Structure formats: structure tokens, C-alpha cells
Protein backbone atom coordinates (compact mmCIF):
# COMPACT_ATOMS: atom_id res chain seq x y z
CA UNK A 1 85.82 -29.84 27.99
CA UNK A 2 86.08 -27.57 31.06
CA UNK A 3 82.36 -28.07 31.73
CA UNK A 4 82.81 -31.83 31.54
CA UNK A 5 85.71 -31.73 34.03
CA UNK A 6 83.65 -29.66 36.44
CA UNK A 7 80.72 -32.09 36.27
CA UNK A 8 83.04 -35.05 36.95
CA UNK A 9 84.63 -33.24 39.88
CA UNK A 10 81.28 -32.20 41.31
CA UNK A 11 79.94 -35.73 40.99
CA UNK A 12 82.89 -36.95 43.05
CA UNK A 13 82.12 -34.32 45.67
CA UNK A 14 78.58 -35.59 46.03
CA UNK A 15 80.04 -38.86 47.26
CA UNK A 16 82.19 -37.03 49.81
CA UNK A 17 83.25 -33.85 51.21
CA UNK A 18 94.57 -36.23 92.21
CA UNK A 19 98.01 -36.91 94.37
CA UNK A 20 100.35 -33.88 94.37
CA UNK A 21 103.34 -33.51 92.08
CA UNK A 22 106.53 -33.37 94.13
CA UNK A 23 109.02 -31.97 91.65
CA UNK A 24 109.40 -28.69 89.78
CA UNK A 25 108.41 -28.43 86.13
CA UNK A 26 110.93 -30.05 83.82
CA UNK A 27 110.79 -31.12 80.19
CA UNK A 28 112.39 -34.54 79.78
CA UNK A 29 111.98 -34.87 76.01
CA UNK A 30 111.98 -32.32 73.21
CA UNK A 31 108.96 -33.52 71.22
CA UNK A 32 110.25 -31.81 68.07
CA UNK A 33 113.15 -34.27 68.02
CA UNK A 34 111.16 -37.24 69.30
CA UNK A 35 111.49 -39.01 65.97
CA UNK A 36 115.22 -39.42 66.65
CA UNK A 37 114.98 -41.33 69.92
CA UNK A 38 112.40 -43.26 71.90
CA UNK A 39 112.27 -43.13 75.66
CA UNK A 40 111.84 -46.40 77.57
CA UNK A 41 109.05 -46.87 80.10
CA UNK A 42 108.16 -49.79 82.37
CA UNK A 43 104.51 -50.33 83.31
CA UNK A 44 104.34 -53.14 85.87
CA UNK A 45 101.05 -54.82 86.64
CA UNK A 46 98.68 -52.75 88.77
CA UNK A 47 97.99 -54.05 92.27
CA UNK A 48 94.56 -54.59 93.83
CA UNK A 49 95.09 -53.18 97.35
CA UNK A 50 91.60 -54.27 98.38
CA UNK A 51 92.62 -57.91 98.08
CA UNK A 52 95.86 -57.91 100.09
CA UNK A 53 97.98 -56.46 97.29
CA UNK A 54 97.16 -59.08 94.69
CA UNK A 55 97.99 -58.98 91.02
CA UNK A 56 94.83 -59.87 89.10
CA UNK A 57 93.68 -59.97 85.52
CA UNK A 58 92.06 -56.57 86.00
CA UNK A 59 95.34 -55.04 87.16
CA UNK A 60 97.16 -56.55 84.19
CA UNK A 61 94.50 -55.08 81.92
CA UNK A 62 94.98 -51.62 83.43
CA UNK A 63 98.72 -51.87 82.87
CA UNK A 64 98.11 -52.95 79.27
CA UNK A 65 95.86 -49.94 78.63
CA UNK A 66 98.58 -47.58 79.88
CA UNK A 67 101.17 -49.35 77.71
CA UNK A 68 99.02 -49.15 74.62
CA UNK A 69 98.15 -45.48 75.10
CA UNK A 70 101.73 -44.41 75.76
CA UNK A 71 103.11 -46.38 72.80
CA UNK A 72 100.46 -44.86 70.55
CA UNK A 73 102.29 -41.52 70.72
CA UNK A 74 105.22 -42.99 68.84
CA UNK A 75 108.15 -41.83 70.95
CA UNK A 76 107.77 -44.26 73.88
CA UNK A 77 109.05 -47.83 73.99
CA UNK A 78 107.52 -50.18 76.58
CA UNK A 79 109.52 -52.87 78.41
CA UNK A 80 107.58 -56.11 78.34
CA UNK A 81 106.51 -56.75 81.98
CA UNK A 82 106.96 -60.48 81.50
CA UNK A 83 110.71 -59.87 81.28
CA UNK A 84 110.81 -58.82 84.93
CA UNK A 85 107.78 -60.68 86.26
CA UNK A 86 105.50 -57.66 86.18
CA UNK A 87 106.27 -56.67 89.77
CA UNK A 88 106.31 -53.04 90.82
CA UNK A 89 109.35 -53.36 93.12
CA UNK A 90 112.31 -53.30 90.74
CA UNK A 91 115.45 -51.35 89.97
CA UNK A 92 114.05 -49.61 86.90
CA UNK A 93 117.35 -48.07 85.89
CA UNK A 94 119.05 -51.49 85.79
CA UNK A 95 116.18 -52.75 83.64
CA UNK A 96 116.87 -50.00 81.13
CA UNK A 97 113.73 -47.98 81.88
CA UNK A 98 113.94 -44.21 82.08
CA UNK A 99 110.53 -44.02 83.74
CA UNK A 100 108.13 -46.40 85.47
CA UNK A 101 104.37 -46.10 85.87
CA UNK A 102 103.29 -47.60 89.21
CA UNK A 103 99.60 -48.22 89.81
CA UNK A 104 97.36 -49.57 92.52
CA UNK A 105 93.61 -49.64 92.83
CA UNK A 106 90.91 -50.13 95.43
CA UNK A 107 87.47 -51.60 94.78
CA UNK A 108 85.07 -49.54 96.90
CA UNK A 109 81.28 -49.69 97.41
CA UNK A 110 80.96 -46.54 95.30
CA UNK A 111 83.15 -47.85 92.50
CA UNK A 112 86.88 -47.64 91.84
CA UNK A 113 89.78 -45.66 93.27
CA UNK A 114 93.19 -45.53 91.57
CA UNK A 115 96.54 -44.22 92.78
CA UNK A 116 98.99 -43.73 89.90
CA UNK A 117 102.59 -42.57 89.97
CA UNK A 118 105.26 -41.74 87.40
CA UNK A 119 108.76 -42.46 88.71
CA UNK A 120 112.05 -41.11 87.34
CA UNK A 121 114.40 -44.10 87.35
CA UNK A 122 117.52 -41.92 87.51
CA UNK A 123 116.80 -41.03 91.15
CA UNK A 124 113.81 -43.19 92.09
CA UNK A 125 111.65 -40.15 92.83
CA UNK A 126 108.02 -39.68 91.93
CA UNK A 127 107.61 -36.85 89.45
CA UNK A 128 103.86 -37.16 88.93
CA UNK A 129 101.11 -38.62 91.09
CA UNK A 130 97.35 -38.69 90.80
CA UNK A 131 94.41 -40.23 92.65
CA UNK A 132 91.18 -40.84 90.74
CA UNK A 133 87.74 -42.01 91.84
CA UNK A 134 84.79 -43.05 89.71
CA UNK A 135 82.39 -45.84 88.91
CA UNK A 136 83.58 -48.87 86.95
CA UNK A 137 82.59 -47.30 83.63
CA UNK A 138 85.23 -44.58 84.21
CA UNK A 139 88.17 -47.00 84.41
CA UNK A 140 89.52 -46.33 80.93
CA UNK A 141 88.89 -42.60 81.27
CA UNK A 142 91.04 -42.45 84.42
CA UNK A 143 93.84 -44.45 82.83
CA UNK A 144 93.90 -42.43 79.60
CA UNK A 145 93.75 -39.17 81.52
CA UNK A 146 96.89 -40.19 83.41
CA UNK A 147 98.57 -41.13 80.13
CA UNK A 148 97.96 -37.66 78.77
CA UNK A 149 99.36 -36.18 81.97
CA UNK A 150 102.47 -38.36 81.61
CA UNK A 151 103.02 -37.06 78.08
CA UNK A 152 102.52 -33.51 79.35
CA UNK A 153 105.05 -34.06 82.14
CA UNK A 154 107.65 -35.59 79.85
CA UNK A 155 107.29 -33.30 76.82
CA UNK A 156 105.51 -30.16 78.00
CA UNK A 157 102.63 -30.92 75.64
CA UNK A 158 99.46 -32.83 76.52
CA UNK A 159 99.01 -36.26 74.99
CA UNK A 160 96.25 -37.41 72.64
CA UNK A 161 95.03 -40.51 74.51
CA UNK A 162 91.68 -38.88 75.26
CA UNK A 163 91.04 -37.71 71.71
CA UNK A 164 88.56 -39.33 69.34
CA UNK A 165 88.14 -39.91 65.64
CA UNK A 166 84.86 -39.35 63.82
CA UNK A 167 84.36 -41.24 60.57
CA UNK A 168 81.74 -42.57 58.18
CA UNK A 169 81.01 -46.30 57.98
CA UNK A 170 78.52 -48.38 56.02
CA UNK A 171 78.57 -51.30 58.50
CA UNK A 172 74.85 -50.79 59.27
CA UNK A 173 73.94 -50.86 55.58
CA UNK A 174 73.88 -47.06 55.38
CA UNK A 175 76.68 -44.50 55.54
CA UNK A 176 76.45 -43.20 59.10
CA UNK A 177 78.86 -41.31 61.36
CA UNK A 178 80.65 -43.14 64.16
CA UNK A 179 82.86 -41.85 66.96
CA UNK A 180 85.80 -43.89 68.31
CA UNK A 181 88.62 -43.49 70.78
CA UNK A 182 91.98 -43.36 69.03
CA UNK A 183 92.82 -46.96 69.94
CA UNK A 184 89.54 -48.29 68.58
CA UNK A 185 88.36 -49.83 71.86
CA UNK A 186 85.05 -47.95 71.98
CA UNK A 187 83.14 -47.17 68.77
CA UNK A 188 79.75 -45.46 68.99
CA UNK A 189 77.10 -44.75 66.38
CA UNK A 190 76.30 -41.01 66.22
CA UNK A 191 73.82 -40.58 63.35
CA UNK A 192 70.78 -42.66 62.42
CA UNK A 193 69.75 -40.99 59.18
CA UNK A 194 69.61 -44.23 57.17
CA UNK A 195 71.03 -42.37 54.19
CA UNK A 196 74.33 -40.95 52.93
CA UNK A 197 76.12 -38.88 55.59
CA UNK A 198 79.52 -37.30 54.82
CA UNK A 199 82.22 -34.87 55.96
CA UNK A 200 82.07 -34.86 59.78
CA UNK A 201 83.83 -31.88 61.38
CA UNK A 202 84.35 -31.06 65.07
CA UNK A 203 83.85 -27.68 66.68
CA UNK A 204 87.12 -26.37 68.19
CA UNK A 205 86.12 -27.44 71.70
CA UNK A 206 85.12 -30.92 70.50
CA UNK A 207 81.62 -30.62 71.96
CA UNK A 208 79.68 -30.75 68.67
CA UNK A 209 79.95 -32.47 65.31
CA UNK A 210 78.91 -30.91 61.99
CA UNK A 211 78.20 -33.00 58.90
CA UNK A 212 76.20 -33.18 55.68
CA UNK A 213 73.29 -35.60 55.35
CA UNK A 214 71.22 -36.55 52.31
CA UNK A 215 68.32 -38.01 54.31
CA UNK A 216 65.92 -35.28 53.14
CA UNK A 217 66.92 -35.77 49.49
CA UNK A 218 69.24 -32.72 49.57
CA UNK A 219 72.78 -32.44 50.97
CA UNK A 220 71.92 -30.40 54.10
CA UNK A 221 74.19 -29.29 56.92
CA UNK A 222 73.50 -30.44 60.51
CA UNK A 223 75.12 -30.12 63.92
CA UNK A 224 74.91 -32.70 66.75
CA UNK A 225 75.67 -32.09 70.41
CA UNK A 226 78.03 -34.88 71.52
CA UNK A 227 76.99 -34.63 75.18
CA UNK A 228 74.39 -36.94 76.69
CA UNK A 229 71.62 -34.91 75.02
CA UNK A 230 72.73 -35.80 71.44
CA UNK A 231 70.48 -32.96 70.19
CA UNK A 232 70.71 -32.47 66.42
CA UNK A 233 69.60 -29.35 64.54
CA UNK A 234 69.90 -28.13 60.94
CA UNK A 235 72.32 -25.33 60.11
CA UNK A 236 71.83 -24.92 56.38
CA UNK A 237 69.14 -26.47 54.19
CA UNK A 238 69.56 -24.27 51.14
CA UNK A 239 68.80 -25.75 47.74
CA UNK A 240 71.81 -27.57 46.33
CA UNK A 241 75.06 -28.31 48.14
CA UNK A 242 75.59 -27.53 51.84
CA UNK A 243 78.83 -29.45 52.32
CA UNK A 244 82.24 -29.79 54.00
CA UNK A 245 81.95 -27.36 56.93
CA UNK A 246 85.08 -25.90 58.55
CA UNK A 247 84.57 -24.14 61.88
CA UNK A 248 86.85 -21.16 62.60
CA UNK A 249 89.37 -21.57 65.44
CA UNK A 250 87.40 -19.16 67.63
CA UNK A 251 84.24 -21.24 67.15
CA UNK A 252 82.23 -18.18 66.08
CA UNK A 253 81.83 -18.88 62.38
CA UNK A 254 82.31 -21.51 59.69
CA UNK A 255 83.05 -21.81 55.99
CA UNK A 256 81.06 -24.22 53.81
CA UNK A 257 80.38 -24.82 50.14
CA UNK A 258 76.94 -23.72 48.93
CA UNK A 259 75.58 -24.03 45.40
CA UNK A 260 72.32 -22.17 46.01
CA UNK A 261 73.08 -19.82 43.11
CA UNK A 262 74.33 -22.55 40.78
CA UNK A 263 78.12 -22.58 41.21
CA UNK A 264 79.69 -24.33 44.22
CA UNK A 265 81.29 -21.46 46.13
CA UNK A 266 82.66 -20.86 49.62
CA UNK A 267 80.59 -18.86 52.09
CA UNK A 268 81.28 -17.61 55.61
CA UNK A 269 78.36 -18.38 57.95
CA UNK A 270 77.77 -17.76 61.63
CA UNK A 271 77.11 -20.76 63.87
CA UNK A 272 73.36 -20.37 63.40
CA UNK A 273 73.75 -20.84 59.63
CA UNK A 274 73.28 -17.18 58.63
CA UNK A 275 75.43 -16.10 55.67
CA UNK A 276 77.93 -13.38 56.62
CA UNK A 277 80.03 -13.22 53.47
CA UNK A 278 80.54 -14.85 50.09
CA UNK A 279 84.24 -15.74 49.75
CA UNK A 280 84.48 -17.01 46.14
CA UNK A 281 82.43 -15.97 43.13
CA UNK A 282 82.04 -18.32 40.17
CA UNK A 283 85.78 -18.97 39.78
CA UNK A 284 85.53 -22.70 39.28
CA UNK A 285 84.27 -25.22 41.84
CA UNK A 286 85.42 -24.27 45.36
CA UNK A 287 85.30 -26.84 48.16
CA UNK A 288 87.08 -28.45 51.16
CA UNK A 289 87.95 -25.42 53.32
CA UNK A 290 90.44 -25.72 56.19
CA UNK A 291 91.36 -22.86 58.55
CA UNK A 292 94.87 -21.94 59.61
CA UNK A 293 95.26 -22.21 63.41
CA UNK A 294 95.37 -18.42 63.80
CA UNK A 295 92.17 -17.97 61.77
CA UNK A 296 93.83 -15.60 59.31
CA UNK A 297 93.97 -17.88 56.28
CA UNK A 298 91.96 -20.60 54.60
CA UNK A 299 93.16 -23.54 52.52
CA UNK A 300 90.67 -24.85 49.97
CA UNK A 301 90.33 -26.71 46.67
CA UNK A 302 89.42 -25.08 43.38
CA UNK A 303 89.51 -26.20 39.76
CA UNK A 304 89.72 -22.60 38.50
CA UNK A 305 93.01 -23.45 36.76
CA UNK A 306 91.41 -26.41 34.98
CA UNK A 307 92.25 -29.15 37.54
CA UNK A 308 91.62 -29.42 41.28
CA UNK A 309 94.45 -27.73 43.19
CA UNK A 310 95.10 -26.35 46.70
CA UNK A 311 94.80 -22.60 47.24
CA UNK A 312 95.36 -20.31 50.23
CA UNK A 313 93.01 -17.40 50.88
CA UNK A 314 93.83 -14.42 53.06
CA UNK A 315 90.64 -14.01 55.10
CA UNK A 316 91.06 -10.23 55.41
CA UNK A 317 91.81 -9.30 51.81
CA UNK A 318 90.30 -12.45 50.18
CA UNK A 319 93.35 -12.64 47.93
CA UNK A 320 94.18 -16.15 46.76
CA UNK A 321 97.43 -18.00 46.06
CA UNK A 322 97.83 -21.45 44.52
CA UNK A 323 100.35 -23.69 46.35
CA UNK A 324 100.17 -27.11 44.60
CA UNK A 325 101.66 -27.66 41.17
CA UNK A 326 102.76 -31.30 41.30
CA UNK A 327 100.10 -33.50 39.69
CA UNK A 328 96.72 -32.68 38.21
CA UNK A 329 94.42 -33.67 41.07
CA UNK A 330 95.08 -32.38 44.61
CA UNK A 331 92.26 -32.28 47.16
CA UNK A 332 91.10 -32.24 50.82
CA UNK A 333 93.67 -29.95 52.46
CA UNK A 334 94.06 -30.10 56.25
CA UNK A 335 96.04 -27.45 58.10
CA UNK A 336 98.31 -28.77 60.87
CA UNK A 337 97.66 -27.64 64.47
CA UNK A 338 100.92 -25.70 64.60
CA UNK A 339 100.33 -24.10 61.20
CA UNK A 340 103.57 -25.34 59.65
CA UNK A 341 102.14 -27.92 57.23
CA UNK A 342 99.13 -28.64 55.07
CA UNK A 343 98.29 -32.29 54.44
CA UNK A 344 96.33 -33.23 51.32
CA UNK A 345 95.48 -36.09 48.99
CA UNK A 346 97.09 -35.99 45.56
CA UNK A 347 96.98 -38.31 42.59
CA UNK A 348 100.31 -39.89 41.68
CA UNK A 349 100.72 -42.70 39.11
CA UNK A 350 96.95 -43.29 39.10
CA UNK A 351 96.71 -43.59 42.90
CA UNK A 352 95.87 -41.09 45.60
CA UNK A 353 98.55 -40.52 48.24
CA UNK A 354 98.92 -38.33 51.31
CA UNK A 355 101.28 -35.39 50.93
CA UNK A 356 102.35 -32.54 53.18
CA UNK A 357 103.40 -29.12 51.95
CA UNK A 358 104.30 -25.84 53.63
CA UNK A 359 101.56 -23.18 53.47
CA UNK A 360 103.91 -21.00 51.44
CA UNK A 361 104.12 -23.72 48.78
CA UNK A 362 107.25 -25.42 47.50
CA UNK A 363 108.01 -29.10 47.02
CA UNK A 364 105.55 -31.45 48.76
CA UNK A 365 106.58 -34.55 50.71
CA UNK A 366 104.82 -37.81 49.91
CA UNK A 367 104.02 -39.77 53.09
CA UNK A 368 102.20 -42.90 51.90
CA UNK A 369 104.29 -45.33 49.88
CA UNK A 370 102.13 -48.38 49.27
CA UNK A 371 99.45 -49.18 46.72
CA UNK A 372 95.88 -48.05 47.27
CA UNK A 373 94.02 -44.74 47.34
CA UNK A 374 94.77 -42.62 50.43
CA UNK A 375 92.34 -39.77 51.04
CA UNK A 376 90.81 -37.25 53.50
CA UNK A 377 93.76 -36.54 55.84
CA UNK A 378 93.21 -35.06 59.31
CA UNK A 379 95.89 -34.15 61.88
CA UNK A 380 96.25 -35.29 65.47
CA UNK A 381 96.12 -32.35 67.92
CA UNK A 382 99.86 -32.64 68.59
CA UNK A 383 100.65 -32.45 64.86
CA UNK A 384 102.65 -35.71 64.92
CA UNK A 385 100.18 -38.06 63.22
CA UNK A 386 97.70 -37.99 60.36
CA UNK A 387 94.57 -40.09 60.04
CA UNK A 388 93.12 -40.86 56.59
CA UNK A 389 91.15 -43.44 54.66
CA UNK A 390 92.80 -46.07 52.47
CA UNK A 391 91.01 -47.98 49.75
CA UNK A 392 92.33 -51.24 48.37
CA UNK A 393 90.19 -53.10 45.86
CA UNK A 394 86.69 -52.89 47.31
CA UNK A 395 87.70 -52.30 50.94
CA UNK A 396 88.17 -48.89 52.54
CA UNK A 397 89.61 -48.55 56.07
CA UNK A 398 90.91 -45.85 58.41
CA UNK A 399 94.68 -45.68 58.91
CA UNK A 400 97.17 -43.42 60.63
CA UNK A 401 100.75 -42.48 59.84
CA UNK A 402 103.39 -40.35 61.52
CA UNK A 403 104.37 -37.04 59.98
CA UNK A 404 107.69 -38.49 58.83
CA UNK A 405 105.89 -41.26 56.89
CA UNK A 406 106.59 -44.05 59.37
CA UNK A 407 104.34 -46.24 61.49
CA UNK A 408 101.37 -46.76 59.16
CA UNK A 409 98.63 -48.95 60.60
CA UNK A 410 94.91 -49.60 60.26
CA UNK A 411 93.32 -48.57 63.55
CA UNK A 412 89.76 -49.94 63.63
CA UNK A 413 88.85 -53.60 63.48
CA UNK A 414 85.22 -53.73 62.41
CA UNK A 415 83.09 -54.66 59.43
CA UNK A 416 82.21 -52.29 56.63
CA UNK A 417 83.94 -49.58 54.66
CA UNK A 418 85.19 -46.45 56.45
CA UNK A 419 85.85 -42.95 55.13
CA UNK A 420 86.06 -39.22 55.98
CA UNK A 421 88.02 -39.49 59.25
CA UNK A 422 88.36 -36.40 61.45
CA UNK A 423 90.57 -36.21 64.53
CA UNK A 424 88.98 -34.43 67.49
CA UNK A 425 90.58 -31.65 69.56
CA UNK A 426 92.03 -32.56 72.95
CA UNK A 427 89.88 -32.71 76.05
CA UNK A 428 91.15 -30.42 78.79
CA UNK A 429 92.89 -32.16 81.68
């Protein structure tokens, strides 16, 4: 019976796995308590200073992008600009805004120049100002960069507007990896293997993407440079499984599942694919590694107890502790950026839901509440949101939810089924 369970589990795995700032530093919002209160921001329409200070459709679009990116973080409420005519000359405090984002832009022969300011409505003073220049293709980049700087100014922690989500989609007729901004405005095809591709994982600096592809009739591990070069090279093409890579926080090594000797076990490899250490040894099927932020521990899945459960390994002693006991099928652990939680997918009443649990174990918290199978969680870099895939009937889409279980939404509007989402690290400001 144990052998049969292992085969079923393994079969499932094969389908997987600027202007100066004029005020001293000040934190306006404790992000740890941000779920208790939203701050209110006004984003009036941006002004085209090239055309005698006109409000145009482009300026309204810029304002909308800022609104959307700020609201995405979950603790900011936007005042509808139509309520005050969208003008940038208002008494923001009387309108109920705690902050206002004032923008103007210039259309130059070389491209676009923006001047953006964040104003504290309590005293009318600018607390953040930036000037950006770039060609027209950099418009969104400039706006999202300023959004992340606003979040940094308000909370002391950089925002996630510039982050991306990698995922697998079959919209082309084959399961390929795509890369999207978090608001789903730009979605790019990354792989063209014309075969099953699974388990994308970012390097800690976000510059490369690792994944497993079956295009050479074996689940091999590859890495793709996400810069303009898009160079792809193999990392492990050993016979059998080479799946679900997890790169260490220092970027110097990775843990993957190999079955070159028969049993699916965890191995520590360097970034050239050379084996440094075998971490598990024939104690059930061992998959889905996830590093703790300090690199000292590893969460993973094993069925050594008879059913798939989450375990924690001490990377120095290789001692192992089981932390999940609720339910008989718990998989795909993902360690939070601050190290305080582990998200995972667990089966409850014949459906898979997203749970979080402390690394020490204890009672898990169930985040998803609606019908469907919710799988493959991945944390936002600020630890406030989780992205995952949700399957209902024959449709699978990517959704996000806040850590407290609120705010669920599907984030990409495109054809095809989507799976294996992974949230990228932040880009440096």
C-alpha cells in the first residue's frame, strides 16, 4: 500500500513541482498594523506642462497607474479624482486625504520627463520629490518606481509595484513560462520549449529564472537570464527527476529533487549544477524545498510518515522535524520573507486550501475559504500577500490574497490555464 501511495504522489509531482527630499526621515504608518487602518491618498490628474498645463488623457492614465499601484498594497485608499474635479490645486486635508501625489510631465524630443511629488496634507509640505527622464517605453517604470518610493517613505519598507510574477500557462497550446508585472498589464513569454515546463523559481536578485522542462523527454533543470540576452543553459540533466529548485538566500547554491539513484531525494548543488551534498536518503519521497530567509533551515515535503507532510531541516545538522499534522496531504511550503510563517497547500474536505503555519509548528491558519483547489503559494517580498493558483472545474487561474485572508482576487485576464506562480524579489530603487 505504501508503494502505491508513493507512485500516486510521484505521478502528481510529474505534473508539477530625481528632485530632493526636503524633510527628515519619518515613518507615517506602522506596516505591521496596516491591516487595522487604511491611509487616504489623493492622486489628481497629471498635467502636461508642454501644452500650457493641460490635463489630457495621458495625464489621467498616469494618475490611474499610480492609484492602481498604491491600492495594490492593501493599506491605501484612493479618493476618486472625479469627486474634486481631478485638479491638483486643492485643500487635501479638507478632502479627507492624508497625502496627495502631484505629477506633471514634459514631452521632450528625447522622450518624457516627469516631476512627481508626495505632499503631506497636514502641513502642505512636500515630503518626497523625484524627477525622471526616459523614452516613452519607460513611462510605467517611472510611475511604479515612484510608487515604491512612496511606500518606502510612508512605511519604511519599499513597495512591491516593481515586482513580477512568473507562472506557467498553456495559452499557446503548450505549458510555457510567462512573466508579468503584479498588476497584469504586461505579460511576456519567457520559454519556447513547446513542451511541459514547470516550477519556475527566481534567483535572490531576480536576474535569472530556474525551471524544469520536459522538452528533451526528461525533466531537466534549466536557468534563463532575464536580461535582454535571455540566454538559457542547462543546470542538471541527470536521468530521472531534476525538479523544483530552491536557490539559497546568498545565491551561491540551490536545493533540488533528483531521482538519479531511484528515490526522489533532496540534493544541495552549486549554481553550476555540481552536487555538493545529499540531504535526504531514501526516507520517502522528498520534494518542494523552500529556504528560510537566513539560509539556516529548509522546509520541504516528504511522505516518510505515510502521507505528504511539511518538514523542517536544520541545514547544519540535517536533523528534521515534522510541523504539519492537520490533514493527510500537505504540500508546496513557501517560507515568508520575514521568516515568521510558512504558507502551504493542504487538503481539507476534499479541496486544497492555502494555510499558514509558524516554522515551529502549532495550529495552522486557513486563508482561502471558497470552493476550488488552491495550490502553489508564493509570498510577496513584503510578506503581506500570497499568490497561488486556483482551480475551479476545468479552469485554473492565478490569484492573490492578503496574509489575513482578505482581498482575494484573480490578477491576470488572459486565456488559458495558469499554474505554479512565483513572486519575484524587489528591484532595488
